[in-house]
């Protein structure tokens, strides 16, 4: 039983830590897309 609780706790911590990383990457990709759109509009 303790192993299951430990595995679930570890999985939860990993998922919560990953959310911030994925959110940051998403914002970076969005900014890059906006730059590409601006460059395309200028041509």
PDB file of N, CA and C in Angstrom:
ATOM      1  N   UNK A   1       0.827  -1.194   0.000  1.00  0.00           N
ATOM      2  CA  UNK A   1       0.000   0.000   0.000  1.00  0.00           C
ATOM      3  C   UNK A   1       0.875   1.263   0.000  1.00  0.00           C
ATOM      4  N   UNK A   2       1.938   1.240   0.773  1.00  0.00           N
ATOM      5  CA  UNK A   2       2.818   2.403   0.838  1.00  0.00           C
ATOM      6  C   UNK A   2       3.479   2.680  -0.502  1.00  0.00           C
ATOM      7  N   UNK A   3       3.806   1.621  -1.246  1.00  0.00           N
ATOM      8  CA  UNK A   3       4.420   1.794  -2.565  1.00  0.00           C
ATOM      9  C   UNK A   3       3.464   2.495  -3.519  1.00  0.00           C
ATOM     10  N   UNK A   4       2.214   2.115  -3.483  1.00  0.00           N
ATOM     11  CA  UNK A   4       1.216   2.718  -4.365  1.00  0.00           C
ATOM     12  C   UNK A   4       1.067   4.206  -4.049  1.00  0.00           C
ATOM     13  N   UNK A   5       1.008   4.537  -2.776  1.00  0.00           N
ATOM     14  CA  UNK A   5       0.881   5.934  -2.365  1.00  0.00           C
ATOM     15  C   UNK A   5       2.112   6.724  -2.803  1.00  0.00           C
ATOM     16  N   UNK A   6       3.290   6.131  -2.644  1.00  0.00           N
ATOM     17  CA  UNK A   6       4.525   6.812  -3.039  1.00  0.00           C
ATOM     18  C   UNK A   6       4.564   7.036  -4.544  1.00  0.00           C
ATOM     19  N   UNK A   7       4.157   6.051  -5.309  1.00  0.00           N
ATOM     20  CA  UNK A   7       4.151   6.176  -6.777  1.00  0.00           C
ATOM     21  C   UNK A   7       3.148   7.237  -7.210  1.00  0.00           C
ATOM     22  N   UNK A   8       1.969   7.244  -6.624  1.00  0.00           N
ATOM     23  CA  UNK A   8       0.963   8.256  -6.957  1.00  0.00           C
ATOM     24  C   UNK A   8       1.432   9.657  -6.590  1.00  0.00           C
ATOM     25  N   UNK A   9       2.089   9.789  -5.434  1.00  0.00           N
ATOM     26  CA  UNK A   9       2.603  11.094  -5.022  1.00  0.00           C
ATOM     27  C   UNK A   9       3.682  11.571  -5.982  1.00  0.00           C
ATOM     28  N   UNK A  10       4.569  10.680  -6.382  1.00  0.00           N
ATOM     29  CA  UNK A  10       5.632  11.039  -7.320  1.00  0.00           C
ATOM     30  C   UNK A  10       5.054  11.440  -8.669  1.00  0.00           C
ATOM     31  N   UNK A  11       4.056  10.700  -9.147  1.00  0.00           N
ATOM     32  CA  UNK A  11       3.422  11.024 -10.427  1.00  0.00           C
ATOM     33  C   UNK A  11       2.733  12.383 -10.359  1.00  0.00           C
ATOM     34  N   UNK A  12       2.078  12.668  -9.253  1.00  0.00           N
ATOM     35  CA  UNK A  12       1.395  13.952  -9.086  1.00  0.00           C
ATOM     36  C   UNK A  12       2.386  15.106  -9.083  1.00  0.00           C
ATOM     37  N   UNK A  13       3.475  14.951  -8.360  1.00  0.00           N
ATOM     38  CA  UNK A  13       4.502  15.998  -8.304  1.00  0.00           C
ATOM     39  C   UNK A  13       5.095  16.232  -9.687  1.00  0.00           C
ATOM     40  N   UNK A  14       5.357  15.154 -10.410  1.00  0.00           N
ATOM     41  CA  UNK A  14       5.924  15.270 -11.758  1.00  0.00           C
ATOM     42  C   UNK A  14       4.968  16.007 -12.690  1.00  0.00           C
ATOM     43  N   UNK A  15       3.708  15.667 -12.633  1.00  0.00           N
ATOM     44  CA  UNK A  15       2.725  16.331 -13.495  1.00  0.00           C
ATOM     45  C   UNK A  15       2.591  17.806 -13.155  1.00  0.00           C
ATOM     46  N   UNK A  16       2.572  18.134 -11.872  1.00  0.00           N
ATOM     47  CA  UNK A  16       2.443  19.530 -11.473  1.00  0.00           C
ATOM     48  C   UNK A  16       3.671  20.342 -11.876  1.00  0.00           C
ATOM     49  N   UNK A  17       4.842  19.764 -11.760  1.00  0.00           N
ATOM     50  CA  UNK A  17       6.068  20.456 -12.159  1.00  0.00           C
ATOM     51  C   UNK A  17       6.092  20.634 -13.668  1.00  0.00           C
ATOM     52  N   UNK A  18       5.597  19.660 -14.402  1.00  0.00           N
ATOM     53  CA  UNK A  18       5.581  19.723 -15.860  1.00  0.00           C
ATOM     54  C   UNK A  18       4.624  20.765 -16.397  1.00  0.00           C
ATOM     55  N   UNK A  19       3.593  21.090 -15.663  1.00  0.00           N
ATOM     56  CA  UNK A  19       2.612  22.072 -16.139  1.00  0.00           C
ATOM     57  C   UNK A  19       3.267  23.427 -16.386  1.00  0.00           C
ATOM     58  N   UNK A  20       4.108  23.866 -15.473  1.00  0.00           N
ATOM     59  CA  UNK A  20       4.770  25.153 -15.636  1.00  0.00           C
ATOM     60  C   UNK A  20       5.698  25.139 -16.838  1.00  0.00           C
ATOM     61  N   UNK A  21       6.374  24.032 -17.034  1.00  0.00           N
ATOM     62  CA  UNK A  21       7.304  23.918 -18.152  1.00  0.00           C
ATOM     63  C   UNK A  21       6.539  23.965 -19.475  1.00  0.00           C
ATOM     64  N   UNK A  22       5.476  23.204 -19.569  1.00  0.00           N
ATOM     65  CA  UNK A  22       4.691  23.164 -20.802  1.00  0.00           C
ATOM     66  C   UNK A  22       4.071  24.526 -21.073  1.00  0.00           C
ATOM     67  N   UNK A  23       3.609  25.187 -20.045  1.00  0.00           N
ATOM     68  CA  UNK A  23       3.015  26.517 -20.207  1.00  0.00           C
ATOM     69  C   UNK A  23       4.055  27.496 -20.742  1.00  0.00           C
ATOM     70  N   UNK A  24       5.263  27.439 -20.209  1.00  0.00           N
ATOM     71  CA  UNK A  24       6.339  28.313 -20.668  1.00  0.00           C
ATOM     72  C   UNK A  24       6.712  28.057 -22.112  1.00  0.00           C
ATOM     73  N   UNK A  25       6.781  26.791 -22.484  1.00  0.00           N
ATOM     74  CA  UNK A  25       7.102  26.442 -23.870  1.00  0.00           C
ATOM     75  C   UNK A  25       5.995  26.923 -24.789  1.00  0.00           C
ATOM     76  N   UNK A  26       4.756  26.766 -24.366  1.00  0.00           N
ATOM     77  CA  UNK A  26       3.626  27.232 -25.173  1.00  0.00           C
ATOM     78  C   UNK A  26       3.682  28.729 -25.409  1.00  0.00           C
ATOM     79  N   UNK A  27       4.059  29.466 -24.394  1.00  0.00           N
ATOM     80  CA  UNK A  27       4.162  30.924 -24.542  1.00  0.00           C
ATOM     81  C   UNK A  27       5.291  31.288 -25.507  1.00  0.00           C
ATOM     82  N   UNK A  28       6.412  30.561 -25.413  1.00  0.00           N
ATOM     83  CA  UNK A  28       7.533  30.825 -26.322  1.00  0.00           C
ATOM     84  C   UNK A  28       7.143  30.549 -27.765  1.00  0.00           C
ATOM     85  N   UNK A  29       6.433  29.455 -27.984  1.00  0.00           N
ATOM     86  CA  UNK A  29       6.000  29.104 -29.343  1.00  0.00           C
ATOM     87  C   UNK A  29       5.019  30.143 -29.860  1.00  0.00           C
ATOM     88  N   UNK A  30       4.142  30.622 -28.998  1.00  0.00           N
ATOM     89  CA  UNK A  30       3.176  31.637 -29.407  1.00  0.00           C
ATOM     90  C   UNK A  30       3.890  32.922 -29.826  1.00  0.00           C
ATOM     91  N   UNK A  31       4.889  33.332 -29.060  1.00  0.00           N
ATOM     92  CA  UNK A  31       5.638  34.538 -29.402  1.00  0.00           C
ATOM     93  C   UNK A  31       6.381  34.367 -30.722  1.00  0.00           C
ATOM     94  N   UNK A  32       6.944  33.194 -30.939  1.00  0.00           N
ATOM     95  CA  UNK A  32       7.647  32.933 -32.194  1.00  0.00           C
ATOM     96  C   UNK A  32       6.668  32.996 -33.367  1.00  0.00           C
ATOM     97  N   UNK A  33       5.468  32.459 -33.175  1.00  0.00           N
ATOM     98  CA  UNK A  33       4.451  32.509 -34.219  1.00  0.00           C
ATOM     99  C   UNK A  33       4.036  33.935 -34.535  1.00  0.00           C
ATOM    100  N   UNK A  34       3.935  34.750 -33.516  1.00  0.00           N
ATOM    101  CA  UNK A  34       3.577  36.160 -33.735  1.00  0.00           C
ATOM    102  C   UNK A  34       4.664  36.879 -34.529  1.00  0.00           C
ATOM    103  N   UNK A  35       5.919  36.576 -34.242  1.00  0.00           N
ATOM    104  CA  UNK A  35       7.030  37.185 -34.989  1.00  0.00           C
ATOM    105  C   UNK A  35       6.971  36.773 -36.456  1.00  0.00           C
ATOM    106  N   UNK A  36       6.664  35.499 -36.706  1.00  0.00           N
ATOM    107  CA  UNK A  36       6.556  35.025 -38.091  1.00  0.00           C
ATOM    108  C   UNK A  36       5.409  35.715 -38.818  1.00  0.00           C
ATOM    109  N   UNK A  37       4.297  35.896 -38.127  1.00  0.00           N
ATOM    110  CA  UNK A  37       3.158  36.575 -38.733  1.00  0.00           C
ATOM    111  C   UNK A  37       3.517  38.024 -39.078  1.00  0.00           C
ATOM    112  N   UNK A  38       4.199  38.692 -38.166  1.00  0.00           N
ATOM    113  CA  UNK A  38       4.607  40.068 -38.420  1.00  0.00           C
ATOM    114  C   UNK A  38       5.539  40.149 -39.629  1.00  0.00           C
ATOM    115  N   UNK A  39       6.492  39.201 -39.712  1.00  0.00           N
ATOM    116  CA  UNK A  39       7.427  39.192 -40.831  1.00  0.00           C
ATOM    117  C   UNK A  39       6.691  38.948 -42.147  1.00  0.00           C
ATOM    118  N   UNK A  40       5.689  38.063 -42.111  1.00  0.00           N
ATOM    119  CA  UNK A  40       4.933  37.763 -43.331  1.00  0.00           C
ATOM    120  C   UNK A  40       4.103  38.967 -43.772  1.00  0.00           C
ATOM    121  N   UNK A  41       3.594  39.714 -42.832  1.00  0.00           N
ATOM    122  CA  UNK A  41       2.788  40.881 -43.161  1.00  0.00           C
ATOM    123  C   UNK A  41       3.632  41.992 -43.797  1.00  0.00           C
ATOM    124  N   UNK A  42       4.870  42.106 -43.387  1.00  0.00           N
ATOM    125  CA  UNK A  42       5.739  43.147 -43.882  1.00  0.00           C
ATOM    126  C   UNK A  42       6.171  42.920 -45.329  1.00  0.00           C
ATOM    127  N   UNK A  43       6.124  41.674 -45.797  1.00  0.00           N
ATOM    128  CA  UNK A  43       6.582  41.349 -47.149  1.00  0.00           C
ATOM    129  C   UNK A  43       5.532  41.649 -48.181  1.00  0.00           C
TER     130      UNK A  43
END
